[in-house]
Protein backbone atom coordinates (compact mmCIF):
# COMPACT_ATOMS: atom_id res chain seq x y z
CA MET A 1 -7.05 7.13 21.98
CA PRO A 2 -10.42 5.70 21.09
CA ARG A 3 -10.71 7.84 18.06
CA ARG A 4 -7.11 6.24 16.99
CA THR A 5 -8.71 2.90 17.49
CA LEU A 6 -11.46 3.84 15.39
CA ILE A 7 -9.55 4.81 12.75
CA ALA A 8 -7.50 1.86 12.62
CA ALA A 9 -10.40 -0.49 12.64
CA VAL A 10 -12.20 1.30 9.92
CA TYR A 11 -8.88 1.25 7.67
CA TYR A 12 -8.51 -2.43 8.48
CA LEU A 13 -11.99 -3.47 7.77
CA ALA A 14 -12.65 -1.45 4.61
CA MET A 15 -9.20 -1.27 2.99
CA THR A 16 -7.74 -4.73 3.58
CA PRO A 17 -10.76 -6.60 1.57
CA TRP A 18 -10.68 -4.24 -1.20
CA GLY A 19 -7.01 -4.82 -1.46
CA TRP A 20 -7.62 -8.50 -1.44
CA CYS A 21 -10.23 -8.25 -3.84
CA ALA A 22 -8.05 -5.95 -6.36
CA ARG A 23 -5.27 -8.29 -6.25
CA ARG A 24 -7.92 -11.23 -7.00
CA VAL A 25 -8.83 -9.46 -10.30
CA ARG A 26 -5.49 -8.07 -11.50
CA ASP A 27 -2.05 -8.56 -11.15
CA PRO A 28 -0.54 -4.96 -10.39
CA LEU A 29 2.88 -6.04 -10.18
CA SER A 30 2.79 -8.29 -13.49
CA ARG A 31 4.40 -11.25 -11.48
CA ARG A 32 2.28 -13.69 -13.48
CA TRP A 33 4.65 -16.76 -15.20
CA ALA A 34 4.47 -16.26 -19.17
CA PRO A 35 5.53 -19.45 -20.54
CA LYS A 36 6.07 -17.76 -24.00
CA ALA A 37 7.87 -15.05 -22.79
CA THR A 38 11.70 -14.85 -24.35
CA THR A 39 12.45 -12.52 -21.21
CA TYR A 40 11.33 -11.12 -18.12
CA PHE A 41 13.70 -8.26 -18.28
CA VAL A 42 11.52 -4.42 -18.11
């Protein structure tokens, strides 16, 4: 059981901040509003 807890802690302490930083730098789902766009259909 301690091994599973350690793996979960490492995952959340390493991957969560990395994900936050990655989303601050770029928009992976292209959710930004484009005022000059004629359509948002992809």
